[in-house]
Amino acid sequence: MLIEKIPIVPEIMRIDTRTQAIDMQQIDNRRFLFNPKTGVLVLGRQYQETSLVNASHAVELADAGITKDFDDFVRGWIGTGRNYPKGVIHFAPCDRFRKHFFDRAFDTLEMFRENGALAGTVVRGFGSRWEQPLSAILTDLQKEEQKPSLRQQLRKTPEAKLSGTGKKTNNNDRRRFFEYQPY
C-alpha cells in the first residue's frame, strides 16, 4: 500500500493512519480520537482561538460517520501555537492509570510521532506527570531533535510501501514508563 499525504482541512477529518499520513505541526487546535486497533484517526473541527467550542468528542466521532465503539478511541486535543511551538498532545481526562488505557495511549503517541510530533512536543495527561516532552516517553527521540518525517517523508520515495511490522516501538520504553506509574 502507498502512503498518501493528507492535507489538513478545517472540517472533521477521518484518516486511516495505516495508509494515510498528516503533519501534526499544521494543526492549530482540535480534538482527536484514535483507535489503535483499527488505525482510524478522527480529527475534529479546527477551532480558532476565539471560537465557541459547541461539540464533544462523541458528537464529532458521530459526525465522522462512526456511531459505535466510542470507548475504543483514545481521546484528547492536539495543536501547535503560542505556548506550544512544537505542539501539544493533551489526553482527555480518564482512568489513565489502568494498563489498557496506558497501552492505547502509548500507541497513540507512536502514531503521532509518525505523523509529525517532535521530540519537544508537550504531552499532557499521560502517566503520573501532568506535562512532559514526548522525548521523555519515546526515548529514541532524544537522539534526534530534528522533525521526524511524515512517515520518514513518505519513506523518501513515492513508491514507498507501508510495512505492518515497520514500527519502531521500543518496548523497553513502554515497560519502563509503565512500571513507575502509581495505581
N, C-alpha and C. Protein backbone atom coordinates (compact mmCIF):
# COMPACT_ATOMS: atom_id res chain seq x y z
N MET A 1 0.82 -1.18 0.00
CA MET A 1 0.00 0.00 0.00
C MET A 1 0.87 1.25 0.00
N LEU A 2 0.45 2.24 -0.72
CA LEU A 2 1.15 3.52 -0.74
C LEU A 2 0.66 4.38 0.42
N ILE A 3 1.55 5.21 0.95
CA ILE A 3 1.18 6.15 1.99
C ILE A 3 0.82 7.46 1.31
N GLU A 4 -0.38 7.93 1.57
CA GLU A 4 -0.88 9.14 0.95
C GLU A 4 -0.84 10.27 1.97
N LYS A 5 -0.22 11.38 1.62
CA LYS A 5 -0.19 12.55 2.50
C LYS A 5 -1.52 13.28 2.38
N ILE A 6 -2.15 13.52 3.52
CA ILE A 6 -3.46 14.17 3.56
C ILE A 6 -3.28 15.62 4.04
N PRO A 7 -3.74 16.60 3.29
CA PRO A 7 -3.65 17.98 3.77
C PRO A 7 -4.64 18.21 4.91
N ILE A 8 -4.28 19.09 5.82
CA ILE A 8 -5.15 19.43 6.94
C ILE A 8 -6.20 20.42 6.45
N VAL A 9 -7.47 20.10 6.71
CA VAL A 9 -8.58 20.98 6.36
C VAL A 9 -9.36 21.31 7.64
N PRO A 10 -10.12 22.40 7.67
CA PRO A 10 -10.80 22.79 8.90
C PRO A 10 -11.95 21.87 9.32
N GLU A 11 -12.51 21.13 8.38
CA GLU A 11 -13.63 20.26 8.70
C GLU A 11 -13.16 18.99 9.42
N ILE A 12 -14.12 18.21 9.88
CA ILE A 12 -13.80 16.92 10.51
C ILE A 12 -13.08 16.04 9.50
N MET A 13 -12.03 15.38 9.97
CA MET A 13 -11.24 14.51 9.09
C MET A 13 -11.23 13.10 9.65
N ARG A 14 -11.43 12.12 8.78
CA ARG A 14 -11.33 10.71 9.14
C ARG A 14 -10.16 10.13 8.36
N ILE A 15 -9.13 9.65 9.08
CA ILE A 15 -7.87 9.26 8.46
C ILE A 15 -7.55 7.81 8.82
N ASP A 16 -7.15 7.04 7.83
CA ASP A 16 -6.66 5.69 8.06
C ASP A 16 -5.14 5.79 8.17
N THR A 17 -4.60 5.77 9.39
CA THR A 17 -3.17 6.01 9.59
C THR A 17 -2.29 4.89 9.05
N ARG A 18 -2.89 3.81 8.62
CA ARG A 18 -2.09 2.73 8.02
C ARG A 18 -1.75 3.03 6.57
N THR A 19 -2.56 3.88 5.93
CA THR A 19 -2.32 4.19 4.52
C THR A 19 -2.22 5.69 4.25
N GLN A 20 -2.52 6.51 5.25
CA GLN A 20 -2.51 7.95 5.08
C GLN A 20 -1.67 8.60 6.17
N ALA A 21 -1.11 9.76 5.85
CA ALA A 21 -0.27 10.48 6.81
C ALA A 21 -0.68 11.95 6.84
N ILE A 22 -0.49 12.57 8.01
CA ILE A 22 -0.74 14.00 8.18
C ILE A 22 0.52 14.62 8.78
N ASP A 23 0.54 15.94 8.84
CA ASP A 23 1.60 16.63 9.57
C ASP A 23 0.96 17.32 10.76
N MET A 24 1.15 16.76 11.94
CA MET A 24 0.56 17.30 13.16
C MET A 24 0.94 18.76 13.37
N GLN A 25 2.09 19.17 12.89
CA GLN A 25 2.56 20.55 13.09
C GLN A 25 1.69 21.57 12.34
N GLN A 26 0.83 21.13 11.45
CA GLN A 26 -0.07 22.03 10.71
C GLN A 26 -1.40 22.23 11.43
N ILE A 27 -1.59 21.57 12.56
CA ILE A 27 -2.86 21.64 13.28
C ILE A 27 -2.77 22.72 14.35
N ASP A 28 -3.74 23.62 14.36
CA ASP A 28 -3.76 24.68 15.36
C ASP A 28 -4.37 24.22 16.67
N ASN A 29 -5.60 23.72 16.64
CA ASN A 29 -6.29 23.34 17.86
C ASN A 29 -7.52 22.51 17.49
N ARG A 30 -7.48 21.24 17.81
CA ARG A 30 -8.66 20.42 17.52
C ARG A 30 -8.66 19.15 18.35
N ARG A 31 -9.84 18.56 18.45
CA ARG A 31 -9.98 17.28 19.15
C ARG A 31 -9.41 16.17 18.28
N PHE A 32 -8.97 15.08 18.95
CA PHE A 32 -8.61 13.88 18.21
C PHE A 32 -9.24 12.69 18.89
N LEU A 33 -9.52 11.67 18.10
CA LEU A 33 -9.97 10.37 18.57
C LEU A 33 -9.20 9.35 17.75
N PHE A 34 -8.53 8.43 18.42
CA PHE A 34 -7.70 7.45 17.71
C PHE A 34 -8.01 6.06 18.24
N ASN A 35 -8.25 5.13 17.31
CA ASN A 35 -8.47 3.74 17.65
C ASN A 35 -7.22 2.95 17.23
N PRO A 36 -6.37 2.57 18.21
CA PRO A 36 -5.14 1.86 17.86
C PRO A 36 -5.38 0.50 17.20
N LYS A 37 -6.52 -0.11 17.46
CA LYS A 37 -6.81 -1.42 16.85
C LYS A 37 -7.02 -1.29 15.34
N THR A 38 -7.73 -0.26 14.93
CA THR A 38 -8.07 -0.11 13.51
C THR A 38 -7.18 0.89 12.79
N GLY A 39 -6.48 1.74 13.54
CA GLY A 39 -5.66 2.78 12.92
C GLY A 39 -6.45 3.98 12.47
N VAL A 40 -7.72 4.07 12.85
CA VAL A 40 -8.56 5.21 12.44
C VAL A 40 -8.30 6.39 13.37
N LEU A 41 -7.99 7.52 12.78
CA LEU A 41 -7.80 8.78 13.50
C LEU A 41 -8.87 9.74 13.01
N VAL A 42 -9.62 10.29 13.95
CA VAL A 42 -10.60 11.32 13.61
C VAL A 42 -10.11 12.62 14.21
N LEU A 43 -10.00 13.64 13.36
CA LEU A 43 -9.66 14.97 13.82
C LEU A 43 -10.92 15.81 13.77
N GLY A 44 -11.27 16.38 14.91
CA GLY A 44 -12.47 17.22 14.98
C GLY A 44 -12.28 18.50 14.19
N ARG A 45 -13.29 19.34 14.23
CA ARG A 45 -13.22 20.62 13.52
C ARG A 45 -12.08 21.47 14.07
N GLN A 46 -11.47 22.24 13.17
CA GLN A 46 -10.41 23.17 13.57
C GLN A 46 -11.06 24.37 14.25
N TYR A 47 -10.69 24.62 15.50
CA TYR A 47 -11.25 25.74 16.24
C TYR A 47 -10.25 26.87 16.32
N GLN A 48 -10.73 28.07 16.08
CA GLN A 48 -9.90 29.27 16.24
C GLN A 48 -9.87 29.63 17.71
N GLU A 49 -8.92 30.47 18.07
CA GLU A 49 -8.73 30.85 19.46
C GLU A 49 -9.99 31.42 20.08
N THR A 50 -10.75 32.17 19.33
CA THR A 50 -11.94 32.83 19.88
C THR A 50 -13.23 32.08 19.57
N SER A 51 -13.14 30.90 18.99
CA SER A 51 -14.34 30.15 18.62
C SER A 51 -15.02 29.54 19.83
N LEU A 52 -16.32 29.45 19.75
CA LEU A 52 -17.09 28.74 20.76
C LEU A 52 -17.04 27.26 20.41
N VAL A 53 -16.58 26.45 21.34
CA VAL A 53 -16.50 25.01 21.12
C VAL A 53 -17.85 24.43 21.52
N ASN A 54 -18.64 24.06 20.53
CA ASN A 54 -20.00 23.64 20.82
C ASN A 54 -20.28 22.19 20.44
N ALA A 55 -19.28 21.35 20.58
CA ALA A 55 -19.46 19.93 20.27
C ALA A 55 -18.73 19.13 21.34
N SER A 56 -18.62 17.85 21.12
CA SER A 56 -17.89 16.97 22.04
C SER A 56 -17.16 15.94 21.20
N HIS A 57 -16.33 15.16 21.86
CA HIS A 57 -15.66 14.08 21.14
C HIS A 57 -16.70 13.14 20.54
N ALA A 58 -17.73 12.80 21.30
CA ALA A 58 -18.75 11.87 20.82
C ALA A 58 -19.48 12.43 19.60
N VAL A 59 -19.82 13.71 19.64
CA VAL A 59 -20.53 14.32 18.52
C VAL A 59 -19.64 14.33 17.27
N GLU A 60 -18.37 14.69 17.44
CA GLU A 60 -17.50 14.75 16.27
C GLU A 60 -17.20 13.36 15.72
N LEU A 61 -17.14 12.35 16.58
CA LEU A 61 -16.96 10.98 16.09
C LEU A 61 -18.19 10.56 15.27
N ALA A 62 -19.37 10.87 15.77
CA ALA A 62 -20.60 10.55 15.03
C ALA A 62 -20.66 11.33 13.72
N ASP A 63 -20.24 12.59 13.75
CA ASP A 63 -20.22 13.39 12.52
C ASP A 63 -19.25 12.84 11.49
N ALA A 64 -18.24 12.08 11.96
CA ALA A 64 -17.29 11.44 11.05
C ALA A 64 -17.84 10.12 10.50
N GLY A 65 -19.04 9.74 10.95
CA GLY A 65 -19.68 8.52 10.44
C GLY A 65 -19.45 7.29 11.29
N ILE A 66 -18.88 7.46 12.48
CA ILE A 66 -18.63 6.32 13.38
C ILE A 66 -19.59 6.44 14.55
N THR A 67 -20.49 5.47 14.66
CA THR A 67 -21.54 5.56 15.68
C THR A 67 -21.48 4.44 16.71
N LYS A 68 -20.41 3.65 16.70
CA LYS A 68 -20.28 2.61 17.72
C LYS A 68 -18.83 2.50 18.15
N ASP A 69 -18.60 1.78 19.24
CA ASP A 69 -17.26 1.54 19.79
C ASP A 69 -16.55 2.81 20.23
N PHE A 70 -17.29 3.78 20.75
CA PHE A 70 -16.72 5.05 21.22
C PHE A 70 -15.60 4.81 22.23
N ASP A 71 -15.77 3.84 23.12
CA ASP A 71 -14.78 3.59 24.17
C ASP A 71 -13.49 2.97 23.65
N ASP A 72 -13.46 2.53 22.39
CA ASP A 72 -12.22 2.01 21.81
C ASP A 72 -11.28 3.13 21.37
N PHE A 73 -11.77 4.37 21.38
CA PHE A 73 -11.00 5.50 20.90
C PHE A 73 -10.32 6.23 22.07
N VAL A 74 -9.02 6.49 21.90
CA VAL A 74 -8.28 7.35 22.82
C VAL A 74 -8.63 8.78 22.40
N ARG A 75 -8.96 9.62 23.39
CA ARG A 75 -9.45 10.96 23.08
C ARG A 75 -8.56 12.04 23.68
N GLY A 76 -8.56 13.19 23.02
CA GLY A 76 -7.81 14.33 23.53
C GLY A 76 -7.84 15.48 22.56
N TRP A 77 -6.86 16.38 22.69
CA TRP A 77 -6.73 17.55 21.86
C TRP A 77 -5.29 17.64 21.37
N ILE A 78 -5.09 18.17 20.18
CA ILE A 78 -3.74 18.39 19.66
C ILE A 78 -3.68 19.76 19.00
N GLY A 79 -2.46 20.24 18.87
CA GLY A 79 -2.28 21.50 18.17
C GLY A 79 -0.90 22.08 18.39
N THR A 80 -0.64 23.17 17.70
CA THR A 80 0.60 23.92 17.85
C THR A 80 0.22 25.39 17.98
N GLY A 81 1.10 26.16 18.57
CA GLY A 81 0.79 27.58 18.69
C GLY A 81 1.68 28.28 19.69
N ARG A 82 1.18 29.42 20.14
CA ARG A 82 1.94 30.32 21.02
C ARG A 82 2.77 29.61 22.07
N ASN A 83 2.12 28.99 23.03
CA ASN A 83 2.82 28.36 24.15
C ASN A 83 3.40 27.00 23.78
N TYR A 84 3.01 26.47 22.66
CA TYR A 84 3.45 25.13 22.24
C TYR A 84 3.92 25.17 20.79
N PRO A 85 5.07 25.80 20.53
CA PRO A 85 5.52 25.92 19.14
C PRO A 85 5.87 24.57 18.50
N LYS A 86 6.17 23.56 19.32
CA LYS A 86 6.46 22.23 18.78
C LYS A 86 5.27 21.29 18.93
N GLY A 87 4.16 21.84 19.40
CA GLY A 87 2.93 21.08 19.51
C GLY A 87 2.64 20.57 20.90
N VAL A 88 1.38 20.19 21.08
CA VAL A 88 0.93 19.60 22.33
C VAL A 88 -0.04 18.47 22.00
N ILE A 89 0.09 17.39 22.75
CA ILE A 89 -0.86 16.27 22.69
C ILE A 89 -1.43 16.18 24.09
N HIS A 90 -2.69 16.47 24.22
CA HIS A 90 -3.34 16.54 25.53
C HIS A 90 -4.40 15.43 25.60
N PHE A 91 -4.17 14.44 26.46
CA PHE A 91 -5.13 13.34 26.60
C PHE A 91 -6.31 13.80 27.45
N ALA A 92 -7.51 13.39 27.04
CA ALA A 92 -8.71 13.72 27.79
C ALA A 92 -8.66 13.02 29.14
N PRO A 93 -9.19 13.66 30.17
CA PRO A 93 -9.19 13.02 31.49
C PRO A 93 -9.93 11.68 31.44
N CYS A 94 -9.34 10.72 32.06
CA CYS A 94 -9.93 9.39 32.11
C CYS A 94 -9.20 8.60 33.17
N ASP A 95 -9.48 7.36 33.26
CA ASP A 95 -8.79 6.50 34.21
C ASP A 95 -7.44 6.13 33.61
N ARG A 96 -6.52 7.10 33.60
CA ARG A 96 -5.28 6.96 32.86
C ARG A 96 -4.26 6.04 33.49
N PHE A 97 -4.51 5.53 34.67
CA PHE A 97 -3.53 4.68 35.34
C PHE A 97 -3.80 3.19 35.11
N ARG A 98 -4.79 2.87 34.35
CA ARG A 98 -5.05 1.48 34.02
C ARG A 98 -4.20 1.06 32.83
N LYS A 99 -3.71 -0.16 32.87
CA LYS A 99 -2.80 -0.61 31.83
C LYS A 99 -3.43 -0.60 30.44
N HIS A 100 -4.72 -0.95 30.33
CA HIS A 100 -5.32 -0.96 28.99
C HIS A 100 -5.33 0.44 28.39
N PHE A 101 -5.58 1.47 29.19
CA PHE A 101 -5.51 2.83 28.65
C PHE A 101 -4.07 3.21 28.33
N PHE A 102 -3.16 2.86 29.21
CA PHE A 102 -1.76 3.21 29.01
C PHE A 102 -1.26 2.66 27.67
N ASP A 103 -1.54 1.40 27.38
CA ASP A 103 -1.08 0.80 26.13
C ASP A 103 -1.67 1.52 24.91
N ARG A 104 -2.96 1.84 24.98
CA ARG A 104 -3.60 2.53 23.85
C ARG A 104 -3.06 3.95 23.69
N ALA A 105 -2.82 4.64 24.83
CA ALA A 105 -2.27 5.99 24.77
C ALA A 105 -0.83 5.96 24.24
N PHE A 106 -0.07 4.96 24.65
CA PHE A 106 1.31 4.82 24.14
C PHE A 106 1.28 4.61 22.63
N ASP A 107 0.37 3.75 22.15
CA ASP A 107 0.23 3.53 20.71
C ASP A 107 -0.16 4.84 20.00
N THR A 108 -0.97 5.65 20.67
CA THR A 108 -1.38 6.94 20.11
C THR A 108 -0.18 7.87 19.96
N LEU A 109 0.68 7.89 20.97
CA LEU A 109 1.89 8.72 20.89
C LEU A 109 2.80 8.26 19.74
N GLU A 110 2.92 6.95 19.58
CA GLU A 110 3.73 6.44 18.46
C GLU A 110 3.13 6.83 17.12
N MET A 111 1.80 6.80 17.02
CA MET A 111 1.14 7.20 15.78
C MET A 111 1.42 8.68 15.50
N PHE A 112 1.33 9.54 16.53
CA PHE A 112 1.60 10.96 16.31
C PHE A 112 3.08 11.20 15.97
N ARG A 113 3.98 10.39 16.52
CA ARG A 113 5.40 10.51 16.15
C ARG A 113 5.55 10.28 14.65
N GLU A 114 4.83 9.31 14.12
CA GLU A 114 4.90 9.01 12.68
C GLU A 114 4.20 10.08 11.84
N ASN A 115 3.46 10.97 12.51
CA ASN A 115 2.69 11.99 11.80
C ASN A 115 3.07 13.40 12.23
N GLY A 116 4.35 13.61 12.52
CA GLY A 116 4.86 14.96 12.71
C GLY A 116 5.11 15.43 14.12
N ALA A 117 4.85 14.63 15.15
CA ALA A 117 5.16 15.06 16.51
C ALA A 117 6.68 15.12 16.67
N LEU A 118 7.15 16.12 17.40
CA LEU A 118 8.57 16.34 17.59
C LEU A 118 9.01 15.89 18.98
N ALA A 119 10.31 15.79 19.18
CA ALA A 119 10.85 15.43 20.49
C ALA A 119 10.37 16.42 21.56
N GLY A 120 10.25 17.69 21.19
CA GLY A 120 9.81 18.72 22.12
C GLY A 120 8.32 18.92 22.19
N THR A 121 7.55 18.10 21.48
CA THR A 121 6.10 18.18 21.60
C THR A 121 5.71 17.86 23.03
N VAL A 122 4.87 18.68 23.62
CA VAL A 122 4.46 18.51 25.01
C VAL A 122 3.33 17.48 25.07
N VAL A 123 3.45 16.55 26.00
CA VAL A 123 2.41 15.54 26.22
C VAL A 123 1.78 15.84 27.58
N ARG A 124 0.47 15.99 27.60
CA ARG A 124 -0.25 16.28 28.84
C ARG A 124 -1.19 15.14 29.17
N GLY A 125 -1.30 14.85 30.47
CA GLY A 125 -2.27 13.86 30.94
C GLY A 125 -1.88 12.44 30.64
N PHE A 126 -0.59 12.16 30.52
CA PHE A 126 -0.12 10.80 30.24
C PHE A 126 0.71 10.33 31.43
N GLY A 127 0.29 9.25 32.07
CA GLY A 127 1.01 8.75 33.24
C GLY A 127 0.82 9.66 34.43
N SER A 128 1.79 9.66 35.33
CA SER A 128 1.64 10.41 36.57
C SER A 128 2.10 11.86 36.46
N ARG A 129 2.82 12.22 35.40
CA ARG A 129 3.26 13.60 35.22
C ARG A 129 2.26 14.35 34.36
N TRP A 130 1.92 15.55 34.80
CA TRP A 130 0.93 16.33 34.07
C TRP A 130 1.43 16.72 32.69
N GLU A 131 2.69 17.18 32.61
CA GLU A 131 3.21 17.68 31.35
C GLU A 131 4.67 17.22 31.20
N GLN A 132 5.02 16.72 30.02
CA GLN A 132 6.38 16.27 29.76
C GLN A 132 6.62 16.26 28.26
N PRO A 133 7.88 16.36 27.84
CA PRO A 133 8.16 16.30 26.41
C PRO A 133 8.00 14.88 25.88
N LEU A 134 7.64 14.76 24.63
CA LEU A 134 7.47 13.45 24.02
C LEU A 134 8.75 12.63 24.12
N SER A 135 9.91 13.28 24.07
CA SER A 135 11.18 12.56 24.15
C SER A 135 11.41 11.91 25.51
N ALA A 136 10.69 12.33 26.54
CA ALA A 136 10.80 11.67 27.85
C ALA A 136 10.08 10.33 27.85
N ILE A 137 9.17 10.15 26.91
CA ILE A 137 8.40 8.91 26.82
C ILE A 137 8.96 8.02 25.72
N LEU A 138 9.15 8.58 24.56
CA LEU A 138 9.73 7.85 23.43
C LEU A 138 11.21 8.25 23.37
N THR A 139 12.04 7.53 24.12
CA THR A 139 13.42 7.96 24.34
C THR A 139 14.28 7.97 23.08
N ASP A 140 13.88 7.25 22.03
CA ASP A 140 14.66 7.30 20.80
C ASP A 140 14.62 8.69 20.17
N LEU A 141 13.64 9.52 20.55
CA LEU A 141 13.56 10.88 20.03
C LEU A 141 14.61 11.80 20.66
N GLN A 142 15.21 11.37 21.77
CA GLN A 142 16.23 12.18 22.41
C GLN A 142 17.46 12.30 21.52
N LYS A 143 17.67 11.33 20.67
CA LYS A 143 18.84 11.30 19.81
C LYS A 143 18.76 12.32 18.69
N GLU A 144 17.56 12.57 18.22
CA GLU A 144 17.42 13.49 17.10
C GLU A 144 16.31 14.49 17.38
N GLU A 145 16.66 15.73 17.53
CA GLU A 145 15.68 16.78 17.79
C GLU A 145 15.12 17.33 16.49
N GLN A 146 15.57 16.80 15.37
CA GLN A 146 15.03 17.24 14.11
C GLN A 146 13.63 16.66 13.93
N LYS A 147 12.87 17.29 13.11
CA LYS A 147 11.49 16.87 12.88
C LYS A 147 11.47 15.48 12.27
N PRO A 148 10.80 14.53 12.94
CA PRO A 148 10.66 13.23 12.30
C PRO A 148 9.78 13.39 11.06
N SER A 149 9.98 12.52 10.19
CA SER A 149 9.31 12.64 8.91
C SER A 149 7.82 12.46 9.01
N LEU A 150 7.21 12.78 7.96
CA LEU A 150 5.85 12.38 7.72
C LEU A 150 6.01 10.98 7.18
N ARG A 151 6.03 10.01 8.10
CA ARG A 151 6.40 8.63 7.79
C ARG A 151 7.70 8.62 7.04
N GLN A 152 8.71 9.24 7.68
CA GLN A 152 10.05 9.39 7.10
C GLN A 152 9.92 9.96 5.69
N GLN A 153 9.20 11.12 5.65
CA GLN A 153 8.93 11.83 4.40
C GLN A 153 8.42 10.85 3.35
N LEU A 154 7.37 10.15 3.77
CA LEU A 154 6.68 9.17 2.94
C LEU A 154 7.67 8.14 2.39
N ARG A 155 8.54 7.75 3.34
CA ARG A 155 9.57 6.72 3.10
C ARG A 155 10.52 7.10 1.98
N LYS A 156 10.67 8.42 1.77
CA LYS A 156 11.64 9.02 0.85
C LYS A 156 11.40 8.74 -0.63
N THR A 157 10.42 7.92 -0.95
CA THR A 157 10.10 7.71 -2.36
C THR A 157 8.60 7.61 -2.50
N PRO A 158 8.04 8.03 -3.62
CA PRO A 158 6.59 7.93 -3.80
C PRO A 158 6.10 6.49 -3.86
N GLU A 159 6.98 5.56 -4.17
CA GLU A 159 6.56 4.17 -4.24
C GLU A 159 6.70 3.45 -2.92
N ALA A 160 7.01 4.19 -1.86
CA ALA A 160 7.24 3.55 -0.56
C ALA A 160 6.02 2.78 -0.11
N LYS A 161 6.27 1.67 0.48
CA LYS A 161 5.18 0.84 0.97
C LYS A 161 5.17 0.85 2.49
N LEU A 162 3.98 0.82 3.04
CA LEU A 162 3.81 0.80 4.49
C LEU A 162 3.95 -0.63 4.96
N SER A 163 4.84 -0.85 5.86
CA SER A 163 5.06 -2.18 6.39
C SER A 163 4.34 -2.31 7.72
N GLY A 164 3.56 -3.32 7.88
CA GLY A 164 2.85 -3.54 9.13
C GLY A 164 3.78 -3.85 10.28
N THR A 165 4.98 -4.29 10.00
CA THR A 165 5.93 -4.61 11.06
C THR A 165 7.03 -3.56 11.17
N GLY A 166 6.91 -2.48 10.45
CA GLY A 166 7.96 -1.48 10.43
C GLY A 166 7.94 -0.50 11.58
N LYS A 167 7.10 -0.71 12.59
CA LYS A 167 7.05 0.20 13.73
C LYS A 167 8.36 0.20 14.47
N LYS A 168 8.72 1.36 15.02
CA LYS A 168 9.94 1.48 15.78
C LYS A 168 9.64 1.46 17.27
N THR A 169 8.79 0.60 17.69
CA THR A 169 8.41 0.54 19.09
C THR A 169 9.57 0.07 19.93
N ASN A 170 9.87 0.86 20.93
CA ASN A 170 10.88 0.46 21.90
C ASN A 170 10.12 -0.05 23.11
N ASN A 171 9.93 -1.35 23.19
CA ASN A 171 9.13 -1.91 24.27
C ASN A 171 9.75 -1.67 25.63
N ASN A 172 11.05 -1.42 25.69
CA ASN A 172 11.66 -1.07 26.96
C ASN A 172 11.12 0.26 27.46
N ASP A 173 10.88 1.22 26.54
CA ASP A 173 10.28 2.49 26.94
C ASP A 173 8.90 2.25 27.54
N ARG A 174 8.11 1.43 26.87
CA ARG A 174 6.76 1.16 27.33
C ARG A 174 6.80 0.53 28.72
N ARG A 175 7.63 -0.48 28.91
CA ARG A 175 7.69 -1.16 30.22
C ARG A 175 8.26 -0.23 31.28
N ARG A 176 9.35 0.45 30.96
CA ARG A 176 10.00 1.33 31.92
C ARG A 176 9.04 2.41 32.39
N PHE A 177 8.32 3.01 31.47
CA PHE A 177 7.44 4.10 31.82
C PHE A 177 6.26 3.60 32.65
N PHE A 178 5.68 2.48 32.27
CA PHE A 178 4.50 2.00 32.98
C PHE A 178 4.85 1.51 34.38
N GLU A 179 6.01 0.92 34.57
CA GLU A 179 6.39 0.39 35.88
C GLU A 179 6.40 1.44 36.96
N TYR A 180 6.64 2.69 36.60
CA TYR A 180 6.76 3.75 37.59
C TYR A 180 5.46 4.52 37.80
N GLN A 181 4.39 4.06 37.23
CA GLN A 181 3.12 4.76 37.37
C GLN A 181 2.41 4.29 38.64
N PRO A 182 1.84 5.22 39.42
CA PRO A 182 1.10 4.82 40.63
C PRO A 182 -0.23 4.18 40.24
N TYR A 183 -0.74 3.36 41.11
CA TYR A 183 -2.03 2.70 40.83
C TYR A 183 -3.10 3.23 41.69
